[in-house]
C-alpha atoms as a PDB file:
ATOM      1  CA  MET A   1       8.336 -44.326 -12.725  1.00  0.00           C
ATOM      2  CA  SER A   2      12.048 -43.884 -13.450  1.00  0.00           C
ATOM      3  CA  THR A   3      13.394 -40.348 -13.776  1.00  0.00           C
ATOM      4  CA  VAL A   4      16.551 -39.732 -15.816  1.00  0.00           C
ATOM      5  CA  THR A   5      18.607 -36.557 -15.346  1.00  0.00           C
ATOM      6  CA  VAL A   6      21.762 -35.410 -17.142  1.00  0.00           C
ATOM      7  CA  ILE A   7      24.153 -32.922 -15.493  1.00  0.00           C
ATOM      8  CA  PRO A   8      27.201 -31.554 -17.377  1.00  0.00           C
ATOM      9  CA  SER A   9      30.555 -31.429 -15.603  1.00  0.00           C
ATOM     10  CA  ARG A  10      30.639 -27.626 -15.891  1.00  0.00           C
ATOM     11  CA  ASP A  11      27.730 -27.478 -13.414  1.00  0.00           C
ATOM     12  CA  ALA A  12      29.849 -28.632 -10.472  1.00  0.00           C
ATOM     13  CA  GLN A  13      27.381 -27.597  -7.771  1.00  0.00           C
ATOM     14  CA  ALA A  14      24.459 -29.572  -9.188  1.00  0.00           C
ATOM     15  CA  TRP A  15      26.743 -32.515  -9.985  1.00  0.00           C
ATOM     16  CA  ARG A  16      28.068 -32.767  -6.436  1.00  0.00           C
ATOM     17  CA  ALA A  17      24.578 -32.393  -4.980  1.00  0.00           C
ATOM     18  CA  ALA A  18      23.336 -35.289  -7.119  1.00  0.00           C
ATOM     19  CA  LEU A  19      26.283 -37.463  -6.063  1.00  0.00           C
ATOM     20  CA  GLY A  20      25.635 -36.725  -2.406  1.00  0.00           C
ATOM     21  CA  VAL A  21      23.183 -39.625  -2.084  1.00  0.00           C
ATOM     22  CA  PHE A  22      25.790 -42.179  -3.264  1.00  0.00           C
ATOM     23  CA  PRO A  23      28.040 -43.092  -0.302  1.00  0.00           C
ATOM     24  CA  ASP A  24      30.565 -44.931  -2.495  1.00  0.00           C
ATOM     25  CA  ALA A  25      31.425 -41.871  -4.618  1.00  0.00           C
ATOM     26  CA  ASP A  26      35.196 -41.453  -4.904  1.00  0.00           C
ATOM     27  CA  VAL A  27      37.390 -38.555  -5.996  1.00  0.00           C
ATOM     28  CA  TYR A  28      37.245 -39.914  -9.568  1.00  0.00           C
ATOM     29  CA  HIS A  29      33.523 -39.102  -9.561  1.00  0.00           C
ATOM     30  CA  ASP A  30      34.118 -35.409  -8.834  1.00  0.00           C
ATOM     31  CA  PRO A  31      33.286 -33.105 -11.779  1.00  0.00           C
ATOM     32  CA  CYS A  32      36.735 -31.478 -11.623  1.00  0.00           C
ATOM     33  CA  PHE A  33      38.357 -34.794 -12.451  1.00  0.00           C
ATOM     34  CA  ALA A  34      35.600 -36.292 -14.596  1.00  0.00           C
ATOM     35  CA  GLY A  35      35.551 -33.292 -16.930  1.00  0.00           C
ATOM     36  CA  ALA A  36      39.290 -32.543 -16.865  1.00  0.00           C
ATOM     37  CA  ALA A  37      40.259 -34.252 -20.134  1.00  0.00           C
ATOM     38  CA  ALA A  38      36.958 -33.757 -21.979  1.00  0.00           C
ATOM     39  CA  PRO A  39      33.418 -32.616 -21.131  1.00  0.00           C
ATOM     40  CA  ALA A  40      31.464 -35.315 -19.329  1.00  0.00           C
ATOM     41  CA  ASP A  41      27.900 -35.795 -18.108  1.00  0.00           C
ATOM     42  CA  LEU A  42      26.526 -37.337 -14.954  1.00  0.00           C
ATOM     43  CA  TRP A  43      23.540 -39.528 -15.873  1.00  0.00           C
ATOM     44  CA  THR A  44      21.312 -40.446 -12.931  1.00  0.00           C
ATOM     45  CA  VAL A  45      18.217 -42.624 -12.805  1.00  0.00           C
ATOM     46  CA  GLY A  46      15.954 -42.678  -9.766  1.00  0.00           C
ATOM     47  CA  ASP A  47      12.916 -44.738  -8.843  1.00  0.00           C
ATOM     48  CA  GLY A  48      11.832 -44.608  -5.217  1.00  0.00           C
ATOM     49  CA  ALA A  49      14.663 -45.739  -2.946  1.00  0.00           C
ATOM     50  CA  ASP A  50      16.694 -47.066  -5.870  1.00  0.00           C
ATOM     51  CA  ALA A  51      19.106 -44.930  -7.862  1.00  0.00           C
ATOM     52  CA  LEU A  52      21.869 -45.359 -10.414  1.00  0.00           C
ATOM     53  CA  ALA A  53      24.588 -42.894 -11.444  1.00  0.00           C
ATOM     54  CA  VAL A  54      26.992 -43.177 -14.377  1.00  0.00           C
ATOM     55  CA  ILE A  55      29.553 -40.649 -15.641  1.00  0.00           C
ATOM     56  CA  LEU A  56      29.988 -40.670 -19.400  1.00  0.00           C
ATOM     57  CA  ALA A  57      31.964 -38.669 -21.933  1.00  0.00           C
ATOM     58  CA  ARG A  58      30.351 -38.852 -25.360  1.00  0.00           C
ATOM     59  CA  GLN A  59      32.400 -39.081 -28.542  1.00  0.00           C
ATOM     60  CA  ALA A  60      31.622 -39.162 -32.241  1.00  0.00           C
ATOM     61  CA  LEU A  61      32.023 -42.367 -34.217  1.00  0.00           C
ATOM     62  CA  PRO A  62      35.191 -42.728 -36.341  1.00  0.00           C
ATOM     63  CA  GLU A  63      35.009 -40.718 -39.571  1.00  0.00           C
ATOM     64  CA  TRP A  64      35.431 -43.747 -41.820  1.00  0.00           C
ATOM     65  CA  LEU A  65      32.038 -45.047 -40.664  1.00  0.00           C
ATOM     66  CA  ASP A  66      30.335 -41.933 -42.068  1.00  0.00           C
ATOM     67  CA  GLU A  67      27.514 -42.324 -39.547  1.00  0.00           C
ATOM     68  CA  ALA A  68      25.770 -39.999 -37.117  1.00  0.00           C
ATOM     69  CA  GLY A  69      25.572 -40.577 -33.392  1.00  0.00           C
ATOM     70  CA  GLY A  70      28.365 -41.782 -31.186  1.00  0.00           C
ATOM     71  CA  ASP A  71      29.371 -43.878 -28.230  1.00  0.00           C
ATOM     72  CA  ALA A  72      30.358 -43.052 -24.665  1.00  0.00           C
ATOM     73  CA  GLU A  73      32.867 -44.029 -22.018  1.00  0.00           C
ATOM     74  CA  THR A  74      33.668 -43.272 -18.419  1.00  0.00           C
ATOM     75  CA  PRO A  75      36.614 -40.871 -17.989  1.00  0.00           C
ATOM     76  CA  ASN A  76      40.098 -42.296 -17.472  1.00  0.00           C
ATOM     77  CA  GLY A  77      40.563 -43.599 -13.977  1.00  0.00           C
ATOM     78  CA  TYR A  78      37.971 -45.427 -11.925  1.00  0.00           C
ATOM     79  CA  ALA A  79      34.722 -43.471 -12.145  1.00  0.00           C
ATOM     80  CA  ALA A  80      32.676 -46.661 -11.909  1.00  0.00           C
ATOM     81  CA  PRO A  81      28.856 -46.756 -11.931  1.00  0.00           C
ATOM     82  CA  LEU A  82      27.294 -46.052  -8.535  1.00  0.00           C
ATOM     83  CA  ALA A  83      24.048 -47.400  -7.126  1.00  0.00           C
ATOM     84  CA  ILE A  84      21.952 -47.335  -3.980  1.00  0.00           C
ATOM     85  CA  GLY A  85      19.253 -49.829  -3.131  1.00  0.00           C
ATOM     86  CA  ALA A  86      18.557 -52.025  -6.146  1.00  0.00           C
ATOM     87  CA  GLY A  87      19.897 -49.397  -8.520  1.00  0.00           C
ATOM     88  CA  GLU A  88      21.187 -52.005 -10.978  1.00  0.00           C
ATOM     89  CA  ARG A  89      17.613 -52.701 -12.045  1.00  0.00           C
ATOM     90  CA  LEU A  90      17.498 -49.191 -13.560  1.00  0.00           C
ATOM     91  CA  TRP A  91      20.062 -49.920 -16.275  1.00  0.00           C
ATOM     92  CA  PRO A  92      17.339 -50.542 -18.928  1.00  0.00           C
ATOM     93  CA  ALA A  93      15.886 -47.076 -18.282  1.00  0.00           C
ATOM     94  CA  LEU A  94      19.327 -45.512 -18.630  1.00  0.00           C
ATOM     95  CA  ALA A  95      20.050 -47.529 -21.785  1.00  0.00           C
ATOM     96  CA  ALA A  96      16.812 -46.321 -23.327  1.00  0.00           C
ATOM     97  CA  ALA A  97      17.726 -42.695 -22.573  1.00  0.00           C
ATOM     98  CA  LEU A  98      21.195 -43.163 -24.055  1.00  0.00           C
ATOM     99  CA  ALA A  99      19.774 -44.776 -27.196  1.00  0.00           C
ATOM    100  CA  GLN A 100      17.377 -41.860 -27.614  1.00  0.00           C
ATOM    101  CA  ALA A 101      20.418 -39.560 -27.442  1.00  0.00           C
ATOM    102  CA  GLY A 102      22.059 -41.489 -30.293  1.00  0.00           C
ATOM    103  CA  VAL A 103      24.558 -43.456 -28.188  1.00  0.00           C
ATOM    104  CA  VAL A 104      25.444 -46.920 -29.532  1.00  0.00           C
ATOM    105  CA  ASN A 105      27.239 -48.336 -26.506  1.00  0.00           C
ATOM    106  CA  ALA A 106      29.132 -47.355 -23.370  1.00  0.00           C
ATOM    107  CA  PHE A 107      32.573 -48.482 -22.228  1.00  0.00           C
ATOM    108  CA  LEU A 108      32.895 -48.464 -18.436  1.00  0.00           C
ATOM    109  CA  ARG A 109      36.017 -48.434 -16.284  1.00  0.00           C
ATOM    110  CA  LEU A 110      35.228 -50.129 -12.994  1.00  0.00           C
ATOM    111  CA  HIS A 111      36.644 -49.384  -9.552  1.00  0.00           C
ATOM    112  CA  PRO A 112      39.085 -51.873  -7.982  1.00  0.00           C
ATOM    113  CA  PHE A 113      37.472 -51.595  -4.540  1.00  0.00           C
ATOM    114  CA  LEU A 114      33.786 -50.899  -5.216  1.00  0.00           C
ATOM    115  CA  PRO A 115      31.008 -53.336  -6.187  1.00  0.00           C
ATOM    116  CA  HIS A 116      30.627 -53.801  -9.941  1.00  0.00           C
ATOM    117  CA  ARG A 117      27.216 -52.256 -10.481  1.00  0.00           C
ATOM    118  CA  VAL A 118      26.757 -53.807 -13.924  1.00  0.00           C
ATOM    119  CA  ASP A 119      24.530 -56.453 -15.455  1.00  0.00           C
ATOM    120  CA  PRO A 120      26.292 -59.855 -15.405  1.00  0.00           C
ATOM    121  CA  ALA A 121      25.027 -60.513 -18.926  1.00  0.00           C
ATOM    122  CA  TRP A 122      27.111 -57.644 -20.321  1.00  0.00           C
ATOM    123  CA  TYR A 123      30.661 -57.814 -21.578  1.00  0.00           C
ATOM    124  CA  LEU A 124      33.124 -57.869 -18.674  1.00  0.00           C
ATOM    125  CA  GLY A 125      36.793 -57.404 -19.419  1.00  0.00           C
ATOM    126  CA  ALA A 126      39.553 -59.647 -18.108  1.00  0.00           C
ATOM    127  CA  PRO A 127      41.005 -58.669 -14.731  1.00  0.00           C
ATOM    128  CA  HIS A 128      44.199 -56.615 -14.693  1.00  0.00           C
ATOM    129  CA  PRO A 129      46.293 -56.981 -11.518  1.00  0.00           C
ATOM    130  CA  THR A 130      47.024 -53.811  -9.549  1.00  0.00           C
ATOM    131  CA  ALA A 131      48.834 -52.961  -6.327  1.00  0.00           C
ATOM    132  CA  TRP A 132      47.965 -50.803  -3.346  1.00  0.00           C
ATOM    133  CA  ILE A 133      49.363 -49.626  -0.023  1.00  0.00           C
ATOM    134  CA  PRO A 134      47.163 -50.782   2.900  1.00  0.00           C
ATOM    135  CA  LEU A 135      46.588 -48.051   5.482  1.00  0.00           C
ATOM    136  CA  GLU A 136      43.901 -49.557   7.687  1.00  0.00           C
ATOM    137  CA  ALA A 137      46.530 -50.058  10.415  1.00  0.00           C
ATOM    138  CA  GLY A 138      47.882 -46.554   9.849  1.00  0.00           C
ATOM    139  CA  LEU A 139      51.294 -45.561   8.538  1.00  0.00           C
ATOM    140  CA  SER A 140      53.100 -47.903  10.938  1.00  0.00           C
ATOM    141  CA  GLY A 141      51.675 -50.950   9.154  1.00  0.00           C
ATOM    142  CA  ALA A 142      51.690 -49.577   5.620  1.00  0.00           C
ATOM    143  CA  PHE A 143      55.017 -51.022   4.531  1.00  0.00           C
ATOM    144  CA  ALA A 144      55.239 -54.006   6.869  1.00  0.00           C
ATOM    145  CA  GLY A 145      56.143 -57.510   5.717  1.00  0.00           C
ATOM    146  CA  GLY A 146      58.821 -59.002   3.535  1.00  0.00           C
ATOM    147  CA  ARG A 147      57.337 -57.819   0.257  1.00  0.00           C
ATOM    148  CA  CYS A 148      58.084 -54.191   1.178  1.00  0.00           C
ATOM    149  CA  SER A 149      61.642 -54.826   2.414  1.00  0.00           C
ATOM    150  CA  THR A 150      63.085 -53.314  -0.769  1.00  0.00           C
ATOM    151  CA  HIS A 151      60.937 -50.211  -0.290  1.00  0.00           C
ATOM    152  CA  ARG A 152      62.106 -49.696   3.281  1.00  0.00           C
ATOM    153  CA  SER A 153      65.782 -50.073   2.359  1.00  0.00           C
ATOM    154  CA  GLN A 154      65.382 -47.662  -0.564  1.00  0.00           C
ATOM    155  CA  VAL A 155      63.809 -45.023   1.693  1.00  0.00           C
ATOM    156  CA  SER A 156      66.800 -45.269   4.023  1.00  0.00           C
ATOM    157  CA  ARG A 157      69.137 -44.977   1.078  1.00  0.00           C
ATOM    158  CA  ALA A 158      67.370 -41.850  -0.239  1.00  0.00           C
ATOM    159  CA  GLU A 159      67.723 -40.213   3.153  1.00  0.00           C
ATOM    160  CA  ARG A 160      71.439 -41.068   3.297  1.00  0.00           C
ATOM    161  CA  LEU A 161      71.889 -39.520  -0.153  1.00  0.00           C
ATOM    162  CA  GLY A 162      70.444 -36.260   1.151  1.00  0.00           C
ATOM    163  CA  HIS A 163      67.108 -36.378  -0.658  1.00  0.00           C
ATOM    164  CA  ALA A 164      64.291 -34.275   0.771  1.00  0.00           C
ATOM    165  CA  VAL A 165      60.534 -34.576   0.249  1.00  0.00           C
ATOM    166  CA  ARG A 166      57.842 -31.885   0.267  1.00  0.00           C
ATOM    167  CA  LEU A 167      54.069 -32.328   0.099  1.00  0.00           C
ATOM    168  CA  THR A 168      51.906 -29.427  -1.082  1.00  0.00           C
ATOM    169  CA  LEU A 169      48.146 -29.557  -0.508  1.00  0.00           C
ATOM    170  CA  ALA A 170      45.752 -27.847  -2.905  1.00  0.00           C
ATOM    171  CA  PRO A 171      48.514 -26.757  -5.313  1.00  0.00           C
ATOM    172  CA  THR A 172      47.668 -23.802  -7.545  1.00  0.00           C
ATOM    173  CA  ALA A 173      48.036 -23.939 -11.313  1.00  0.00           C
ATOM    174  CA  ALA A 174      51.228 -21.905 -10.996  1.00  0.00           C
ATOM    175  CA  ARG A 175      52.538 -24.311  -8.350  1.00  0.00           C
ATOM    176  CA  LEU A 176      52.005 -27.194 -10.776  1.00  0.00           C
ATOM    177  CA  ASP A 177      54.191 -25.612 -13.457  1.00  0.00           C
ATOM    178  CA  GLY A 178      57.363 -27.277 -12.198  1.00  0.00           C
ATOM    179  CA  PHE A 179      55.657 -30.646 -12.068  1.00  0.00           C
ATOM    180  CA  ARG A 180      54.178 -30.108 -15.515  1.00  0.00           C
ATOM    181  CA  SER A 181      57.611 -29.363 -17.024  1.00  0.00           C
ATOM    182  CA  LEU A 182      59.157 -32.494 -15.511  1.00  0.00           C
ATOM    183  CA  TYR A 183      56.115 -34.569 -16.473  1.00  0.00           C
ATOM    184  CA  ASP A 184      56.273 -33.456 -20.126  1.00  0.00           C
ATOM    185  CA  LEU A 185      59.992 -34.288 -20.282  1.00  0.00           C
ATOM    186  CA  THR A 186      59.304 -37.697 -18.739  1.00  0.00           C
ATOM    187  CA  MET A 187      56.592 -38.502 -21.277  1.00  0.00           C
ATOM    188  CA  GLN A 188      58.852 -37.414 -24.150  1.00  0.00           C
ATOM    189  CA  ARG A 189      61.699 -39.567 -22.876  1.00  0.00           C
ATOM    190  CA  LEU A 190      59.414 -42.587 -22.535  1.00  0.00           C
ATOM    191  CA  GLY A 191      57.752 -42.021 -25.917  1.00  0.00           C
ATOM    192  CA  ALA A 192      54.350 -42.046 -24.196  1.00  0.00           C
ATOM    193  CA  SER A 193      51.185 -42.048 -26.282  1.00  0.00           C
ATOM    194  CA  THR A 194      48.902 -39.024 -26.550  1.00  0.00           C
ATOM    195  CA  GLY A 195      46.649 -40.535 -23.879  1.00  0.00           C
ATOM    196  CA  TYR A 196      49.323 -39.719 -21.301  1.00  0.00           C
ATOM    197  CA  ARG A 197      49.901 -36.126 -22.441  1.00  0.00           C
ATOM    198  CA  PHE A 198      47.726 -33.287 -21.181  1.00  0.00           C
ATOM    199  CA  GLU A 199      47.090 -29.651 -22.021  1.00  0.00           C
ATOM    200  CA  ASP A 200      47.032 -26.763 -19.547  1.00  0.00           C
ATOM    201  CA  GLY A 201      43.275 -27.098 -19.091  1.00  0.00           C
ATOM    202  CA  TYR A 202      43.659 -30.572 -17.610  1.00  0.00           C
ATOM    203  CA  PHE A 203      45.907 -29.386 -14.780  1.00  0.00           C
ATOM    204  CA  HIS A 204      43.775 -26.297 -14.211  1.00  0.00           C
ATOM    205  CA  ALA A 205      40.746 -28.568 -13.753  1.00  0.00           C
ATOM    206  CA  LEU A 206      42.551 -30.742 -11.203  1.00  0.00           C
ATOM    207  CA  VAL A 207      43.232 -27.646  -9.115  1.00  0.00           C
ATOM    208  CA  GLY A 208      39.473 -27.592  -8.448  1.00  0.00           C
ATOM    209  CA  LEU A 209      39.891 -30.659  -6.232  1.00  0.00           C
ATOM    210  CA  GLY A 210      41.320 -28.348  -3.567  1.00  0.00           C
ATOM    211  CA  ASP A 211      42.964 -30.087  -0.617  1.00  0.00           C
ATOM    212  CA  ARG A 212      42.019 -33.496  -1.999  1.00  0.00           C
ATOM    213  CA  LEU A 213      44.902 -33.008  -4.443  1.00  0.00           C
ATOM    214  CA  ALA A 214      48.484 -33.303  -3.207  1.00  0.00           C
ATOM    215  CA  LEU A 215      51.708 -32.604  -5.055  1.00  0.00           C
ATOM    216  CA  VAL A 216      54.632 -34.613  -3.652  1.00  0.00           C
ATOM    217  CA  GLU A 217      58.129 -33.589  -4.749  1.00  0.00           C
ATOM    218  CA  VAL A 218      61.558 -35.048  -4.020  1.00  0.00           C
ATOM    219  CA  THR A 219      64.766 -33.044  -4.431  1.00  0.00           C
ATOM    220  CA  ASP A 220      68.316 -34.381  -4.389  1.00  0.00           C
ATOM    221  CA  ALA A 221      71.168 -33.159  -2.176  1.00  0.00           C
ATOM    222  CA  ALA A 222      71.752 -30.237  -4.562  1.00  0.00           C
ATOM    223  CA  GLY A 223      68.097 -29.150  -4.335  1.00  0.00           C
ATOM    224  CA  VAL A 224      67.231 -30.312  -7.863  1.00  0.00           C
ATOM    225  CA  LEU A 225      63.726 -31.689  -8.421  1.00  0.00           C
ATOM    226  CA  VAL A 226      64.193 -35.354  -9.380  1.00  0.00           C
ATOM    227  CA  ASN A 227      60.844 -37.008  -8.687  1.00  0.00           C
ATOM    228  CA  ALA A 228      57.273 -35.759  -8.335  1.00  0.00           C
ATOM    229  CA  ALA A 229      53.731 -37.113  -8.366  1.00  0.00           C
ATOM    230  CA  LEU A 230      50.119 -36.085  -7.964  1.00  0.00           C
ATOM    231  CA  PHE A 231      47.889 -37.965  -5.512  1.00  0.00           C
ATOM    232  CA  MET A 232      44.111 -37.577  -5.228  1.00  0.00           C
ATOM    233  CA  ARG A 233      42.198 -38.373  -2.044  1.00  0.00           C
ATOM    234  CA  GLY A 234      38.604 -39.477  -1.692  1.00  0.00           C
ATOM    235  CA  ALA A 235      36.708 -40.316   1.485  1.00  0.00           C
ATOM    236  CA  ALA A 236      37.968 -43.916   1.613  1.00  0.00           C
ATOM    237  CA  TRP A 237      40.731 -44.237  -0.965  1.00  0.00           C
ATOM    238  CA  CYS A 238      43.743 -42.275  -2.143  1.00  0.00           C
ATOM    239  CA  HIS A 239      44.981 -42.689  -5.724  1.00  0.00           C
ATOM    240  CA  TYR A 240      48.391 -42.310  -7.334  1.00  0.00           C
ATOM    241  CA  HIS A 241      47.631 -40.263 -10.457  1.00  0.00           C
ATOM    242  CA  LEU A 242      50.465 -38.753 -12.513  1.00  0.00           C
ATOM    243  CA  SER A 243      54.206 -39.030 -11.894  1.00  0.00           C
ATOM    244  CA  ALA A 244      57.357 -37.477 -13.299  1.00  0.00           C
ATOM    245  CA  ARG A 245      61.007 -38.345 -12.899  1.00  0.00           C
ATOM    246  CA  GLY A 246      64.296 -36.752 -13.904  1.00  0.00           C
ATOM    247  CA  GLU A 247      66.529 -38.744 -16.221  1.00  0.00           C
ATOM    248  CA  GLN A 248      69.302 -38.951 -13.621  1.00  0.00           C
ATOM    249  CA  ALA A 249      67.045 -39.547 -10.630  1.00  0.00           C
ATOM    250  CA  HIS A 250      68.151 -42.233  -8.199  1.00  0.00           C
ATOM    251  CA  ASN A 251      65.728 -45.142  -7.896  1.00  0.00           C
ATOM    252  CA  SER A 252      65.372 -44.540  -4.179  1.00  0.00           C
ATOM    253  CA  SER A 253      63.769 -41.114  -4.690  1.00  0.00           C
ATOM    254  CA  GLY A 254      60.441 -42.613  -5.733  1.00  0.00           C
ATOM    255  CA  HIS A 255      60.231 -44.712  -2.582  1.00  0.00           C
ATOM    256  CA  LEU A 256      60.643 -41.614  -0.434  1.00  0.00           C
ATOM    257  CA  LEU A 257      57.804 -39.987  -2.370  1.00  0.00           C
ATOM    258  CA  PHE A 258      55.351 -42.822  -1.638  1.00  0.00           C
ATOM    259  CA  THR A 259      56.150 -42.767   2.066  1.00  0.00           C
ATOM    260  CA  ALA A 260      55.180 -39.087   2.268  1.00  0.00           C
ATOM    261  CA  ALA A 261      51.965 -39.714   0.338  1.00  0.00           C
ATOM    262  CA  ALA A 262      51.062 -42.620   2.634  1.00  0.00           C
ATOM    263  CA  ALA A 263      51.516 -40.423   5.691  1.00  0.00           C
ATOM    264  CA  TRP A 264      49.105 -37.855   4.230  1.00  0.00           C
ATOM    265  CA  ALA A 265      46.489 -40.444   3.254  1.00  0.00           C
ATOM    266  CA  ALA A 266      46.713 -42.226   6.602  1.00  0.00           C
ATOM    267  CA  GLU A 267      46.250 -38.927   8.441  1.00  0.00           C
ATOM    268  CA  HIS A 268      42.906 -38.516   6.641  1.00  0.00           C
ATOM    269  CA  GLY A 269      41.730 -42.032   7.427  1.00  0.00           C
ATOM    270  CA  CYS A 270      42.078 -43.497   3.943  1.00  0.00           C
ATOM    271  CA  ARG A 271      41.951 -47.283   3.721  1.00  0.00           C
ATOM    272  CA  GLY A 272      44.804 -47.326   1.258  1.00  0.00           C
ATOM    273  CA  ILE A 273      46.573 -45.795  -1.739  1.00  0.00           C
ATOM    274  CA  HIS A 274      45.820 -47.445  -5.041  1.00  0.00           C
ATOM    275  CA  LEU A 275      48.981 -47.490  -7.146  1.00  0.00           C
ATOM    276  CA  GLY A 276      47.426 -48.996 -10.281  1.00  0.00           C
ATOM    277  CA  GLY A 277      48.855 -51.730 -12.453  1.00  0.00           C
ATOM    278  CA  GLY A 278      51.402 -52.188 -15.186  1.00  0.00           C
ATOM    279  CA  THR A 279      51.375 -51.459 -18.886  1.00  0.00           C
ATOM    280  CA  SER A 280      49.904 -54.930 -19.508  1.00  0.00           C
ATOM    281  CA  ALA A 281      47.853 -57.522 -17.650  1.00  0.00           C
ATOM    282  CA  GLU A 282      50.863 -59.787 -17.147  1.00  0.00           C
ATOM    283  CA  PRO A 283      51.861 -60.425 -13.506  1.00  0.00           C
ATOM    284  CA  THR A 284      55.518 -60.066 -14.566  1.00  0.00           C
ATOM    285  CA  ASP A 285      54.984 -56.592 -16.052  1.00  0.00           C
ATOM    286  CA  PRO A 286      57.993 -54.492 -14.858  1.00  0.00           C
ATOM    287  CA  LEU A 287      55.856 -51.536 -13.778  1.00  0.00           C
ATOM    288  CA  LEU A 288      53.527 -53.784 -11.772  1.00  0.00           C
ATOM    289  CA  VAL A 289      56.512 -55.535 -10.173  1.00  0.00           C
ATOM    290  CA  TYR A 290      57.884 -52.131  -9.124  1.00  0.00           C
ATOM    291  CA  LYS A 291      54.547 -51.094  -7.604  1.00  0.00           C
ATOM    292  CA  ARG A 292      54.299 -54.382  -5.719  1.00  0.00           C
ATOM    293  CA  ARG A 293      57.640 -53.632  -4.070  1.00  0.00           C
ATOM    294  CA  ILE A 294      55.953 -50.561  -2.587  1.00  0.00           C
ATOM    295  CA  GLY A 295      52.419 -51.792  -1.892  1.00  0.00           C
ATOM    296  CA  ARG A 296      51.772 -55.195  -0.365  1.00  0.00           C
ATOM    297  CA  GLY A 297      48.060 -55.156  -1.238  1.00  0.00           C
ATOM    298  CA  ASP A 298      46.783 -56.909  -4.372  1.00  0.00           C
ATOM    299  CA  ALA A 299      43.666 -55.853  -6.264  1.00  0.00           C
ATOM    300  CA  GLU A 300      42.338 -56.005  -9.811  1.00  0.00           C
ATOM    301  CA  PHE A 301      40.840 -53.593 -12.292  1.00  0.00           C
ATOM    302  CA  ARG A 302      38.191 -54.509 -14.874  1.00  0.00           C
ATOM    303  CA  THR A 303      36.186 -52.861 -17.619  1.00  0.00           C
ATOM    304  CA  ALA A 304      32.649 -53.477 -18.826  1.00  0.00           C
ATOM    305  CA  GLY A 305      30.798 -52.889 -22.064  1.00  0.00           C
ATOM    306  CA  VAL A 306      27.137 -51.850 -22.162  1.00  0.00           C
ATOM    307  CA  VAL A 307      25.329 -52.383 -25.458  1.00  0.00           C
ATOM    308  CA  VAL A 308      22.714 -49.645 -25.812  1.00  0.00           C
ATOM    309  CA  ASP A 309      21.627 -50.123 -29.426  1.00  0.00           C
ATOM    310  CA  ALA A 310      22.220 -53.817 -30.219  1.00  0.00           C
ATOM    311  CA  GLU A 311      21.487 -53.607 -33.960  1.00  0.00           C
ATOM    312  CA  ARG A 312      23.861 -50.687 -34.581  1.00  0.00           C
ATOM    313  CA  HIS A 313      26.514 -52.108 -32.264  1.00  0.00           C
ATOM    314  CA  GLN A 314      26.668 -55.397 -34.175  1.00  0.00           C
ATOM    315  CA  ARG A 315      26.531 -53.668 -37.563  1.00  0.00           C
ATOM    316  CA  LEU A 316      29.430 -51.363 -36.729  1.00  0.00           C
ATOM    317  CA  ARG A 317      31.504 -54.298 -35.510  1.00  0.00           C
ATOM    318  CA  ALA A 318      30.677 -56.188 -38.716  1.00  0.00           C
ATOM    319  CA  GLU A 319      31.699 -53.225 -40.879  1.00  0.00           C
ATOM    320  CA  TRP A 320      35.053 -53.059 -39.150  1.00  0.00           C
ATOM    321  CA  SER A 321      35.627 -56.822 -39.546  1.00  0.00           C
ATOM    322  CA  GLN A 322      34.757 -56.601 -43.243  1.00  0.00           C
ATOM    323  CA  ARG A 323      37.276 -53.796 -43.764  1.00  0.00           C
ATOM    324  CA  SER A 324      40.042 -55.243 -41.641  1.00  0.00           C
ATOM    325  CA  ARG A 325      39.400 -58.878 -42.659  1.00  0.00           C
ATOM    326  CA  ARG A 326      39.717 -60.107 -39.101  1.00  0.00           C
ATOM    327  CA  PRO A 327      37.400 -60.343 -36.090  1.00  0.00           C
ATOM    328  CA  GLY A 328      37.429 -57.459 -33.642  1.00  0.00           C
ATOM    329  CA  ARG A 329      38.989 -57.930 -30.216  1.00  0.00           C
ATOM    330  CA  TRP A 330      37.811 -54.736 -28.550  1.00  0.00           C
ATOM    331  CA  PHE A 331      34.300 -54.177 -27.245  1.00  0.00           C
ATOM    332  CA  GLN A 332      34.177 -51.090 -29.472  1.00  0.00           C
ATOM    333  CA  ALA A 333      35.837 -53.020 -32.302  1.00  0.00           C
ATOM    334  CA  TYR A 334      35.330 -50.217 -34.809  1.00  0.00           C
ATOM    335  CA  ARG A 335      37.867 -48.172 -32.839  1.00  0.00           C
ATOM    336  CA  GLU A 336      40.645 -50.707 -33.364  1.00  0.00           C
ATOM    337  CA  PRO A 337      43.267 -49.668 -35.941  1.00  0.00           C
ATOM    338  CA  LEU A 338      42.246 -50.986 -39.361  1.00  0.00           C
ATOM    339  CA  ALA A 339      45.801 -51.877 -40.384  1.00  0.00           C
END
C-alpha cells in the first residue's frame, strides 16, 4: 500500500529527514533552496523498499482561464525527482494525490547528472547543452587540455593586472549585501527578466545552506569589487548559481573567480562544478561558448511534463489555442503569451 506524505519547505527538519533515504539528493533538493523563491512542498511516496520524492511549487492557473485549481513545477535549478528501488512505479500514486489536490499537471526540471526518474511515455523536453568543470582528478586536472587554454591564459592575465580573489564560506545576509548590489546593477544593465531578479527573502533563504554556500569575489588592483558569484555545494556536485559583474570589469576577472571556486569544490571531493548552459539551446550560444572555455566537460539539461488530470490538461491547452489561434508549443501551453 503506497503512502503519500507532503512536507512544506518551512519544516526544514522534517524535509531533510525525509530526504535522508535518497542518496542522490543534491543541494538543489534542500528546503532552503527549494523554498527560496516561493513556498514549495516535498511530496514522497513509499511502498516497501521503493520510494519516490518530488519537490513541487504549486501555482494558480492564469486569471483569464477563470478556473479553480492550479499546476505545479519544480523550483528553478535542478531539483529533479528522486527514487530508490523501483520508485518510478509509484508515479501513478503520486499523480492521483496531486489530482485530488486540484493539480492539473507538473513541469519538472531534471538534473544533468542524475538518472531521469520519469515515465518514458511522458513529455520529455529537448536537450539543452551545458558545460561543467571536471574535478575527479582534483584541481590539477580541472582545466587541463586545449579547450581550457583560454581560461588558463586569462587567469595569468588577471594576476598580472593585480586582481585578487576572496572566497567566503557560509556568508551572512549582511555579507551578501555587496554581492546583491552588484547583482542588481548587472541585471538592470542586461535588461534581465523578472525571473532573474530576487527579493531580500531569496538571499536570506540561501544563507540557510550554511557552509555549502560560497561567495567568491574578485577585486581589481584598486580594491574595487568587479566580479562576484555564488556557488552551492552538494555531496557530489557543485553548482554555479548567481553571478554579478561590474560594467568596467576585465574579462579575465571571471576566470580567476572560477579557479577559486574549483579549488573549494575539489577540496570537498566534488566530482565537478556545473556551469549551466546558454540563453538558448544552440551550441553557438555566446554564453555557452564562454562557459565551455572554462569547463571542458559537456552535459545536457532536460525538462519533463507530467500530466496529472488528462481531461483538464487537454481542455486548457485547447482553450489557449482557440484564443491565440495557433497551436501551443509549451507543455503548459496556457501559460504562453496570448499575443
